[in-house]
N, C-alpha and C. Protein backbone atom coordinates (compact mmCIF):
# COMPACT_ATOMS: atom_id res chain seq x y z
N MET A 1 -45.02 16.82 42.95
CA MET A 1 -44.71 15.96 43.96
C MET A 1 -43.28 15.57 43.96
N GLN A 2 -42.60 15.66 42.79
CA GLN A 2 -41.04 15.49 42.72
C GLN A 2 -40.40 16.64 43.50
N SER A 3 -40.94 17.81 43.47
CA SER A 3 -40.41 18.93 44.18
C SER A 3 -40.58 18.61 45.65
N ASN A 4 -41.60 18.20 46.02
CA ASN A 4 -41.85 17.89 47.59
C ASN A 4 -40.90 16.85 47.97
N SER A 5 -40.65 15.74 47.23
CA SER A 5 -39.78 14.74 47.54
C SER A 5 -38.43 15.16 47.70
N SER A 6 -37.97 16.01 46.76
CA SER A 6 -36.57 16.44 46.74
C SER A 6 -36.41 17.62 47.77
N ASN A 7 -37.18 18.47 48.06
CA ASN A 7 -37.08 19.51 48.94
C ASN A 7 -37.35 19.26 50.33
N ARG A 8 -38.21 18.20 50.64
CA ARG A 8 -38.60 17.79 51.97
C ARG A 8 -38.84 19.00 52.84
N PRO A 9 -40.09 19.53 52.68
CA PRO A 9 -40.41 20.74 53.40
C PRO A 9 -40.48 20.51 54.93
N PHE A 10 -40.74 19.40 55.39
CA PHE A 10 -40.96 19.19 56.81
C PHE A 10 -39.67 18.62 57.40
N SER A 11 -39.44 18.95 58.68
CA SER A 11 -38.15 18.27 59.19
C SER A 11 -38.31 16.89 59.67
N ASN A 12 -39.54 16.46 59.91
CA ASN A 12 -39.86 15.15 60.23
C ASN A 12 -40.17 14.33 58.99
N ARG A 13 -39.59 13.09 58.96
CA ARG A 13 -39.72 12.26 57.81
C ARG A 13 -41.13 11.75 57.68
N ALA A 14 -41.83 11.48 58.84
CA ALA A 14 -43.13 11.04 58.78
C ALA A 14 -44.11 12.04 58.04
N LEU A 15 -43.85 13.30 58.46
CA LEU A 15 -44.66 14.39 57.87
C LEU A 15 -44.45 14.41 56.43
N ASN A 16 -43.23 14.25 56.01
CA ASN A 16 -43.04 14.24 54.56
C ASN A 16 -43.66 13.09 53.81
N ASP A 17 -43.66 11.96 54.37
CA ASP A 17 -44.33 10.74 53.86
C ASP A 17 -45.83 11.05 53.78
N ILE A 18 -46.34 11.64 54.82
CA ILE A 18 -47.77 11.96 54.77
C ILE A 18 -48.07 13.00 53.63
N GLU A 19 -47.27 13.96 53.59
CA GLU A 19 -47.36 14.93 52.41
C GLU A 19 -47.34 14.39 51.06
N ASN A 20 -46.43 13.37 50.90
CA ASN A 20 -46.31 12.75 49.53
C ASN A 20 -47.46 11.87 49.25
N LEU A 21 -47.99 11.15 50.25
CA LEU A 21 -49.26 10.40 50.00
C LEU A 21 -50.45 11.25 49.73
N SER A 22 -50.47 12.52 50.43
CA SER A 22 -51.52 13.42 50.23
C SER A 22 -51.48 14.05 48.88
N LEU A 23 -50.29 14.38 48.37
CA LEU A 23 -50.16 14.85 47.03
C LEU A 23 -50.66 13.71 45.95
N SER A 24 -50.20 12.49 46.21
CA SER A 24 -50.49 11.35 45.34
C SER A 24 -52.05 11.07 45.35
N THR A 25 -52.71 11.28 46.40
CA THR A 25 -54.12 11.06 46.56
C THR A 25 -54.85 12.15 45.82
N GLN A 26 -54.35 13.39 45.98
CA GLN A 26 -55.00 14.45 45.22
C GLN A 26 -54.85 14.41 43.68
N ILE A 27 -53.64 13.95 43.34
CA ILE A 27 -53.45 13.74 41.86
C ILE A 27 -54.40 12.71 41.32
N ALA A 28 -54.39 11.63 41.99
CA ALA A 28 -55.36 10.46 41.57
C ALA A 28 -56.82 10.85 41.65
N THR A 29 -57.31 11.61 42.60
CA THR A 29 -58.62 12.12 42.76
C THR A 29 -58.91 12.99 41.64
N ILE A 30 -58.04 14.04 41.32
CA ILE A 30 -58.30 15.03 40.29
C ILE A 30 -58.26 14.29 38.94
N TYR A 31 -57.40 13.43 38.72
CA TYR A 31 -57.24 12.87 37.33
C TYR A 31 -58.44 11.98 37.01
N CYS A 32 -58.89 11.11 38.09
CA CYS A 32 -60.07 10.23 37.86
C CYS A 32 -61.29 11.16 37.81
N GLY A 33 -61.37 12.21 38.59
CA GLY A 33 -62.48 13.01 38.63
C GLY A 33 -62.79 13.77 37.34
N ILE A 34 -61.72 14.11 36.60
CA ILE A 34 -61.84 14.68 35.27
C ILE A 34 -62.58 13.74 34.35
N PHE A 35 -62.51 12.48 34.42
CA PHE A 35 -63.32 11.53 33.65
C PHE A 35 -64.85 11.71 33.93
N PHE A 36 -65.10 11.86 35.23
CA PHE A 36 -66.53 11.93 35.56
C PHE A 36 -67.02 13.32 34.99
N ILE A 37 -66.31 14.42 35.23
CA ILE A 37 -66.71 15.74 34.70
C ILE A 37 -66.88 15.76 33.30
N SER A 38 -65.94 15.12 32.50
CA SER A 38 -66.04 15.47 31.02
C SER A 38 -66.78 14.32 30.36
N SER A 39 -67.33 13.33 31.01
CA SER A 39 -68.13 12.26 30.50
C SER A 39 -69.50 12.91 30.17
N LYS A 40 -69.96 12.52 28.95
CA LYS A 40 -71.37 13.03 28.47
C LYS A 40 -72.29 11.88 28.36
N ASP A 41 -73.53 12.16 28.58
CA ASP A 41 -74.65 11.21 28.29
C ASP A 41 -74.88 10.88 26.82
N PRO A 42 -74.75 9.70 26.37
CA PRO A 42 -74.86 9.33 24.93
C PRO A 42 -76.28 9.66 24.44
N SER A 43 -77.25 9.72 25.30
CA SER A 43 -78.67 9.84 24.84
C SER A 43 -79.06 11.33 24.55
N GLN A 44 -78.16 12.26 24.90
CA GLN A 44 -78.39 13.72 24.54
C GLN A 44 -78.13 13.84 23.10
N SER A 45 -78.83 14.88 22.63
CA SER A 45 -78.71 15.27 21.07
C SER A 45 -77.35 15.85 20.78
N SER A 46 -76.76 16.55 21.85
CA SER A 46 -75.43 17.20 21.58
C SER A 46 -74.24 16.36 21.57
N PHE A 47 -74.54 14.95 21.86
CA PHE A 47 -73.47 14.00 22.05
C PHE A 47 -72.93 13.70 20.56
N ASP A 48 -71.70 13.80 20.33
CA ASP A 48 -70.93 13.62 19.03
C ASP A 48 -69.95 12.39 19.36
N LYS A 49 -70.12 11.28 18.63
CA LYS A 49 -69.37 10.18 18.88
C LYS A 49 -67.86 10.32 18.58
N SER A 50 -67.65 11.26 17.64
CA SER A 50 -66.19 11.49 17.19
C SER A 50 -65.37 12.25 18.13
N LYS A 51 -66.03 13.09 19.00
CA LYS A 51 -65.16 13.85 19.98
C LYS A 51 -65.63 13.73 21.43
N ASP A 52 -66.86 13.24 21.70
CA ASP A 52 -67.13 13.12 23.12
C ASP A 52 -67.08 11.60 23.48
N PHE A 53 -67.16 11.42 24.75
CA PHE A 53 -67.01 10.04 25.29
C PHE A 53 -67.88 9.95 26.54
N TYR A 54 -68.27 8.77 26.85
CA TYR A 54 -69.11 8.49 28.05
C TYR A 54 -68.41 7.39 28.85
N LEU A 55 -68.80 7.37 30.05
CA LEU A 55 -68.33 6.27 30.99
C LEU A 55 -69.37 5.23 31.13
N THR A 56 -69.17 4.10 31.00
CA THR A 56 -70.06 3.03 31.22
C THR A 56 -70.12 2.86 32.70
N ALA A 57 -71.08 2.06 33.20
CA ALA A 57 -71.29 1.79 34.62
C ALA A 57 -70.06 1.11 35.22
N ASN A 58 -69.37 0.29 34.33
CA ASN A 58 -68.18 -0.40 34.91
C ASN A 58 -67.04 0.62 34.92
N GLY A 59 -66.95 1.54 34.06
CA GLY A 59 -65.89 2.60 34.01
C GLY A 59 -66.07 3.52 35.25
N GLN A 60 -67.39 3.90 35.46
CA GLN A 60 -67.67 4.81 36.64
C GLN A 60 -67.22 3.99 37.93
N THR A 61 -67.62 2.76 37.99
CA THR A 61 -67.26 1.92 39.17
C THR A 61 -65.70 1.88 39.45
N PHE A 62 -64.95 1.65 38.36
CA PHE A 62 -63.50 1.59 38.21
C PHE A 62 -62.88 2.86 38.82
N PHE A 63 -63.23 4.03 38.23
CA PHE A 63 -62.68 5.35 38.76
C PHE A 63 -63.21 5.61 40.23
N PHE A 64 -64.26 5.27 40.57
CA PHE A 64 -64.75 5.53 41.93
C PHE A 64 -64.06 4.72 42.83
N ALA A 65 -63.70 3.45 42.47
CA ALA A 65 -62.89 2.54 43.29
C ALA A 65 -61.44 3.13 43.40
N ILE A 66 -60.84 3.66 42.38
CA ILE A 66 -59.54 4.18 42.55
C ILE A 66 -59.56 5.50 43.52
N ILE A 67 -60.49 6.29 43.26
CA ILE A 67 -60.70 7.49 44.20
C ILE A 67 -60.88 7.11 45.64
N ALA A 68 -61.86 6.07 45.87
CA ALA A 68 -62.15 5.72 47.27
C ALA A 68 -60.79 4.92 47.90
N PHE A 69 -60.24 4.10 47.11
CA PHE A 69 -58.94 3.39 47.60
C PHE A 69 -57.83 4.39 48.01
N CYS A 70 -57.58 5.36 47.14
CA CYS A 70 -56.57 6.26 47.49
C CYS A 70 -56.86 7.17 48.74
N ASN A 71 -58.15 7.63 48.76
CA ASN A 71 -58.44 8.34 49.98
C ASN A 71 -58.51 7.56 51.22
N VAL A 72 -59.03 6.38 51.14
CA VAL A 72 -58.94 5.47 52.33
C VAL A 72 -57.57 5.21 52.86
N ALA A 73 -56.58 4.95 51.84
CA ALA A 73 -55.29 4.69 52.17
C ALA A 73 -54.71 5.96 52.90
N PHE A 74 -54.96 7.10 52.29
CA PHE A 74 -54.30 8.33 52.94
C PHE A 74 -54.96 8.41 54.41
N ILE A 75 -56.22 8.27 54.52
CA ILE A 75 -56.83 8.40 55.95
C ILE A 75 -56.23 7.52 56.88
N VAL A 76 -56.07 6.20 56.44
CA VAL A 76 -55.49 5.19 57.42
C VAL A 76 -54.04 5.49 57.67
N LEU A 77 -53.21 5.96 56.72
CA LEU A 77 -51.87 6.49 57.07
C LEU A 77 -51.95 7.72 57.98
N TRP A 78 -52.70 8.59 57.69
CA TRP A 78 -52.77 9.79 58.50
C TRP A 78 -53.16 9.37 59.98
N LEU A 79 -54.18 8.55 60.15
CA LEU A 79 -54.68 8.14 61.46
C LEU A 79 -53.54 7.39 62.13
N THR A 80 -52.79 6.49 61.52
CA THR A 80 -51.77 5.76 62.13
C THR A 80 -50.65 6.75 62.72
N LYS A 81 -50.21 7.65 61.84
CA LYS A 81 -49.11 8.53 62.15
C LYS A 81 -49.65 9.58 63.17
N PHE A 82 -51.02 9.92 63.26
CA PHE A 82 -51.42 10.86 64.18
C PHE A 82 -51.56 10.21 65.59
N VAL A 83 -52.01 8.88 65.61
CA VAL A 83 -51.98 8.13 66.87
C VAL A 83 -50.71 7.97 67.48
N ALA A 84 -49.65 7.83 66.59
CA ALA A 84 -48.25 7.58 67.07
C ALA A 84 -47.80 8.89 67.77
N VAL A 85 -48.09 10.00 67.08
CA VAL A 85 -47.69 11.28 67.63
C VAL A 85 -48.42 11.66 68.84
N ILE A 86 -49.78 11.44 69.00
CA ILE A 86 -50.50 11.57 70.22
C ILE A 86 -49.91 10.67 71.27
N ARG A 87 -49.63 9.45 70.94
CA ARG A 87 -49.03 8.50 71.93
C ARG A 87 -47.83 9.05 72.61
N VAL A 88 -46.87 9.55 71.77
CA VAL A 88 -45.57 10.10 72.38
C VAL A 88 -45.90 11.29 73.21
N LEU A 89 -46.83 12.13 72.66
CA LEU A 89 -47.25 13.23 73.34
C LEU A 89 -47.80 12.98 74.85
N ILE A 90 -48.69 12.03 74.87
CA ILE A 90 -49.24 11.61 76.13
C ILE A 90 -48.22 11.00 77.06
N LYS A 91 -47.26 10.19 76.46
CA LYS A 91 -46.24 9.56 77.23
C LYS A 91 -45.33 10.64 77.93
N GLU A 92 -45.01 11.73 77.23
CA GLU A 92 -44.12 12.77 77.76
C GLU A 92 -44.92 13.58 78.72
N GLU A 93 -46.11 14.14 78.47
CA GLU A 93 -46.85 14.93 79.24
C GLU A 93 -47.56 14.30 80.48
N TYR A 94 -48.10 13.13 80.09
CA TYR A 94 -48.94 12.45 81.18
C TYR A 94 -48.62 10.89 81.32
N PRO A 95 -47.46 10.65 81.93
CA PRO A 95 -46.99 9.26 81.96
C PRO A 95 -47.95 8.29 82.59
N ARG A 96 -48.68 8.69 83.68
CA ARG A 96 -49.64 7.85 84.38
C ARG A 96 -50.75 7.53 83.51
N LEU A 97 -51.34 8.54 82.70
CA LEU A 97 -52.29 8.19 81.84
C LEU A 97 -51.98 7.32 80.66
N TYR A 98 -50.67 7.46 80.27
CA TYR A 98 -50.08 6.56 79.18
C TYR A 98 -50.02 5.24 79.63
N ILE A 99 -49.71 4.99 80.91
CA ILE A 99 -49.64 3.55 81.38
C ILE A 99 -50.98 3.00 81.39
N VAL A 100 -52.04 3.81 81.88
CA VAL A 100 -53.37 3.18 81.89
C VAL A 100 -53.98 2.93 80.50
N ILE A 101 -53.73 3.84 79.58
CA ILE A 101 -54.35 3.85 78.32
C ILE A 101 -53.60 2.72 77.33
N PHE A 102 -52.22 2.92 77.26
CA PHE A 102 -51.53 2.15 76.27
C PHE A 102 -50.89 0.96 76.77
N LEU A 103 -50.59 0.86 78.11
CA LEU A 103 -49.86 -0.26 78.63
C LEU A 103 -50.84 -1.08 79.64
N CYS A 104 -52.10 -0.82 79.45
CA CYS A 104 -53.04 -1.56 80.42
C CYS A 104 -52.70 -1.69 81.81
N GLY A 105 -52.29 -0.46 82.28
CA GLY A 105 -51.90 -0.24 83.73
C GLY A 105 -50.71 -1.02 84.23
N ARG A 106 -49.93 -1.54 83.34
CA ARG A 106 -48.71 -2.28 83.64
C ARG A 106 -47.49 -1.37 83.63
N SER A 107 -47.11 -0.74 84.67
CA SER A 107 -46.05 0.19 84.62
C SER A 107 -44.71 -0.49 84.38
N ASP A 108 -44.60 -1.80 84.57
CA ASP A 108 -43.40 -2.50 84.38
C ASP A 108 -42.89 -2.56 82.85
N LYS A 109 -43.91 -2.28 82.01
CA LYS A 109 -43.70 -2.28 80.57
C LYS A 109 -43.08 -0.93 80.11
N MET A 110 -43.10 0.08 81.04
CA MET A 110 -42.74 1.48 80.62
C MET A 110 -41.26 1.44 80.16
N GLY A 111 -40.37 0.63 80.88
CA GLY A 111 -39.07 0.51 80.53
C GLY A 111 -38.76 0.06 79.07
N LEU A 112 -39.41 -1.03 78.76
CA LEU A 112 -39.45 -1.50 77.49
C LEU A 112 -39.93 -0.58 76.35
N GLU A 113 -40.93 0.17 76.62
CA GLU A 113 -41.56 1.14 75.71
C GLU A 113 -40.46 2.30 75.54
N THR A 114 -39.77 2.71 76.58
CA THR A 114 -38.80 3.66 76.42
C THR A 114 -37.66 3.23 75.68
N VAL A 115 -37.12 2.07 75.78
CA VAL A 115 -36.08 1.52 74.94
C VAL A 115 -36.52 1.39 73.58
N LYS A 116 -37.72 0.95 73.36
CA LYS A 116 -38.24 0.81 71.88
C LYS A 116 -38.35 2.17 71.24
N ARG A 117 -38.81 3.15 71.99
CA ARG A 117 -38.92 4.46 71.50
C ARG A 117 -37.51 5.03 71.19
N ALA A 118 -36.48 4.84 72.04
CA ALA A 118 -35.25 5.25 71.79
C ALA A 118 -34.62 4.62 70.48
N LYS A 119 -34.84 3.45 70.37
CA LYS A 119 -34.42 2.80 69.02
C LYS A 119 -35.04 3.36 67.81
N ASP A 120 -36.42 3.65 67.95
CA ASP A 120 -37.18 4.26 66.76
C ASP A 120 -36.60 5.70 66.52
N VAL A 121 -36.34 6.34 67.56
CA VAL A 121 -35.82 7.71 67.31
C VAL A 121 -34.53 7.70 66.67
N LYS A 122 -33.62 6.78 67.17
CA LYS A 122 -32.26 6.67 66.51
C LYS A 122 -32.31 6.22 65.16
N ARG A 123 -33.16 5.21 64.79
CA ARG A 123 -33.40 4.67 63.39
C ARG A 123 -33.84 5.80 62.52
N GLU A 124 -34.85 6.58 63.02
CA GLU A 124 -35.38 7.67 62.21
C GLU A 124 -34.27 8.82 61.88
N SER A 125 -33.44 9.06 62.97
CA SER A 125 -32.38 10.07 62.73
C SER A 125 -31.31 9.51 61.69
N ILE A 126 -31.06 8.15 61.70
CA ILE A 126 -30.12 7.61 60.74
C ILE A 126 -30.73 7.72 59.41
N ILE A 127 -32.01 7.44 59.24
CA ILE A 127 -32.64 7.45 58.01
C ILE A 127 -32.76 8.81 57.41
N GLU A 128 -32.99 9.81 58.26
CA GLU A 128 -32.86 11.19 57.80
C GLU A 128 -31.54 11.72 57.49
N SER A 129 -30.52 11.20 58.11
CA SER A 129 -29.19 11.51 57.74
C SER A 129 -28.87 10.87 56.40
N ILE A 130 -29.22 9.64 56.21
CA ILE A 130 -28.99 9.03 54.85
C ILE A 130 -29.73 9.81 53.73
N GLU A 131 -30.99 10.25 54.01
CA GLU A 131 -31.77 10.93 53.00
C GLU A 131 -31.10 12.34 52.72
N GLY A 132 -30.49 12.87 53.82
CA GLY A 132 -29.81 14.24 53.50
C GLY A 132 -28.62 14.02 52.76
N ILE A 133 -27.90 12.88 53.00
CA ILE A 133 -26.67 12.65 52.28
C ILE A 133 -27.05 12.28 50.75
N LEU A 134 -28.16 11.54 50.46
CA LEU A 134 -28.56 11.26 49.18
C LEU A 134 -28.93 12.49 48.41
N LEU A 135 -29.64 13.45 49.18
CA LEU A 135 -30.01 14.78 48.45
C LEU A 135 -28.62 15.52 48.13
N PHE A 136 -27.69 15.56 49.04
CA PHE A 136 -26.44 16.10 48.80
C PHE A 136 -25.69 15.59 47.69
N MET A 137 -25.67 14.20 47.52
CA MET A 137 -24.96 13.48 46.47
C MET A 137 -25.72 13.74 45.17
N THR A 138 -27.03 13.85 45.22
CA THR A 138 -27.83 14.22 43.90
C THR A 138 -27.35 15.54 43.40
N LYS A 139 -27.26 16.57 44.31
CA LYS A 139 -26.83 17.86 43.93
C LYS A 139 -25.48 17.93 43.32
N MET A 140 -24.52 16.99 44.07
CA MET A 140 -23.11 17.02 43.55
C MET A 140 -23.10 16.45 42.25
N LYS A 141 -23.93 15.39 41.93
CA LYS A 141 -23.89 14.69 40.69
C LYS A 141 -24.47 15.70 39.61
N ASP A 142 -25.44 16.45 39.95
CA ASP A 142 -25.91 17.55 38.93
C ASP A 142 -24.90 18.64 38.75
N MET A 143 -24.15 18.93 39.71
CA MET A 143 -23.07 19.87 39.49
C MET A 143 -21.97 19.43 38.55
N TYR A 144 -21.61 18.05 38.79
CA TYR A 144 -20.57 17.45 37.94
C TYR A 144 -21.13 17.20 36.56
N ALA A 145 -22.43 16.89 36.36
CA ALA A 145 -22.98 16.74 35.05
C ALA A 145 -23.08 18.04 34.33
N ASN A 146 -23.21 19.14 34.99
CA ASN A 146 -23.23 20.39 34.32
C ASN A 146 -21.90 21.10 34.19
N ASP A 147 -20.81 20.34 34.51
CA ASP A 147 -19.51 20.99 34.50
C ASP A 147 -19.33 22.21 35.37
N VAL A 148 -20.04 22.19 36.53
CA VAL A 148 -19.84 23.23 37.43
C VAL A 148 -18.77 22.96 38.39
N PHE A 149 -17.91 23.94 38.55
CA PHE A 149 -16.62 23.73 39.34
C PHE A 149 -16.92 24.54 40.60
N TYR A 150 -16.42 24.07 41.77
CA TYR A 150 -16.60 24.56 43.07
C TYR A 150 -15.25 24.56 43.96
N GLN A 151 -15.30 25.23 45.08
CA GLN A 151 -13.98 25.49 45.84
C GLN A 151 -13.49 24.14 46.42
N ASP A 152 -14.45 23.27 46.99
CA ASP A 152 -13.88 22.10 47.80
C ASP A 152 -13.99 20.81 46.92
N HIS A 153 -13.57 20.82 45.70
CA HIS A 153 -13.55 19.76 44.79
C HIS A 153 -12.68 18.65 45.36
N ASN A 154 -11.54 18.97 45.79
CA ASN A 154 -10.62 18.01 46.41
C ASN A 154 -11.02 17.29 47.55
N ARG A 155 -11.75 18.00 48.47
CA ARG A 155 -12.22 17.33 49.69
C ARG A 155 -13.39 16.37 49.37
N PHE A 156 -14.21 16.82 48.32
CA PHE A 156 -15.31 15.87 47.90
C PHE A 156 -14.72 14.56 47.34
N ILE A 157 -13.71 14.74 46.53
CA ILE A 157 -13.08 13.53 45.89
C ILE A 157 -12.56 12.64 46.96
N LYS A 158 -11.82 13.19 47.94
CA LYS A 158 -11.35 12.32 48.97
C LYS A 158 -12.54 11.67 49.69
N LEU A 159 -13.59 12.39 50.03
CA LEU A 159 -14.78 11.84 50.59
C LEU A 159 -15.32 10.63 49.76
N LEU A 160 -15.37 10.80 48.47
CA LEU A 160 -15.82 9.66 47.61
C LEU A 160 -14.87 8.48 47.72
N TYR A 161 -13.57 8.72 47.65
CA TYR A 161 -12.69 7.53 47.75
C TYR A 161 -12.82 6.75 49.16
N PHE A 162 -13.02 7.55 50.15
CA PHE A 162 -13.30 7.00 51.55
C PHE A 162 -14.53 6.12 51.52
N ILE A 163 -15.58 6.68 50.97
CA ILE A 163 -16.84 5.92 50.92
C ILE A 163 -16.68 4.73 50.07
N GLU A 164 -16.13 4.80 48.99
CA GLU A 164 -15.79 3.65 48.22
C GLU A 164 -15.11 2.54 48.86
N SER A 165 -14.14 2.93 49.61
CA SER A 165 -13.18 1.93 50.21
C SER A 165 -13.91 1.27 51.29
N GLU A 166 -14.64 2.15 52.11
CA GLU A 166 -15.50 1.45 53.11
C GLU A 166 -16.65 0.70 52.71
N ARG A 167 -17.23 1.18 51.60
CA ARG A 167 -18.46 0.24 51.19
C ARG A 167 -18.14 -1.02 50.95
N GLN A 168 -17.02 -1.37 50.39
CA GLN A 168 -16.65 -2.79 50.15
C GLN A 168 -16.38 -3.63 51.52
N GLN A 169 -16.12 -2.88 52.56
CA GLN A 169 -15.82 -3.61 53.86
C GLN A 169 -17.03 -3.78 54.66
N ILE A 170 -18.18 -3.09 54.40
CA ILE A 170 -19.36 -3.18 55.22
C ILE A 170 -20.15 -4.37 54.91
N ASP A 171 -20.45 -5.18 55.83
CA ASP A 171 -21.19 -6.43 55.61
C ASP A 171 -22.70 -6.06 55.63
N LEU A 172 -23.40 -6.27 54.60
CA LEU A 172 -24.77 -5.93 54.52
C LEU A 172 -25.71 -7.22 54.69
N THR A 173 -25.20 -8.29 55.21
CA THR A 173 -25.97 -9.42 55.54
C THR A 173 -27.06 -9.06 56.56
N GLU A 174 -28.24 -9.38 56.19
CA GLU A 174 -29.36 -9.02 57.13
C GLU A 174 -29.26 -9.93 58.35
N LYS A 175 -29.37 -9.30 59.57
CA LYS A 175 -29.37 -9.95 60.73
C LYS A 175 -30.81 -10.04 61.29
N ARG A 176 -31.30 -11.15 61.39
CA ARG A 176 -32.74 -11.34 61.80
C ARG A 176 -32.87 -11.17 63.33
N HIS A 177 -33.75 -10.23 63.77
CA HIS A 177 -34.13 -10.01 65.26
C HIS A 177 -32.98 -9.58 66.10
N ASN A 178 -31.95 -8.95 65.51
CA ASN A 178 -30.85 -8.49 66.21
C ASN A 178 -30.55 -7.04 65.86
N TYR A 179 -31.32 -6.13 66.32
CA TYR A 179 -31.23 -4.69 65.86
C TYR A 179 -30.36 -3.89 67.00
N TYR A 180 -29.12 -3.66 66.60
CA TYR A 180 -28.32 -2.90 67.50
C TYR A 180 -28.25 -1.45 67.11
N ILE A 181 -29.48 -0.85 67.33
CA ILE A 181 -29.49 0.59 66.95
C ILE A 181 -29.44 1.36 68.27
């Protein structure tokens, strides 16, 4: 899962999020499932208290609840992202159908939807850029930690000084309901 998070195999951030949740769900399902598989019935003659274990009814319910919760969370996230992608696809390919299905026949809302979608696309591109920079900075940190020298050391140092000077001047005060993206 760490490899998936650091390598980000998909170009779309939403797909990487789905993949991360998918891997987490698989890990939880397998881990909890191992308890079900390796649990033995204490009434059998081959049951040895010193090395075998059994799940009580509460234990079985607990592990089942974890498996069910993780899988339901994954399905809900997947359906949410899937509907969002289908919605965009319908809007681009069949705008009149989009107006009927998603805007209740009100074509006057199409302009607002377009502006909202443009903001979402811009916000996602900014987030993807930040994630790319974070990945780059992590790799640079690893290079410096391992005493690896490279050609553009001076340019990187200048970039760090620039970022440090700008960081102190950027106001991170949260502005409520004023998103200028």
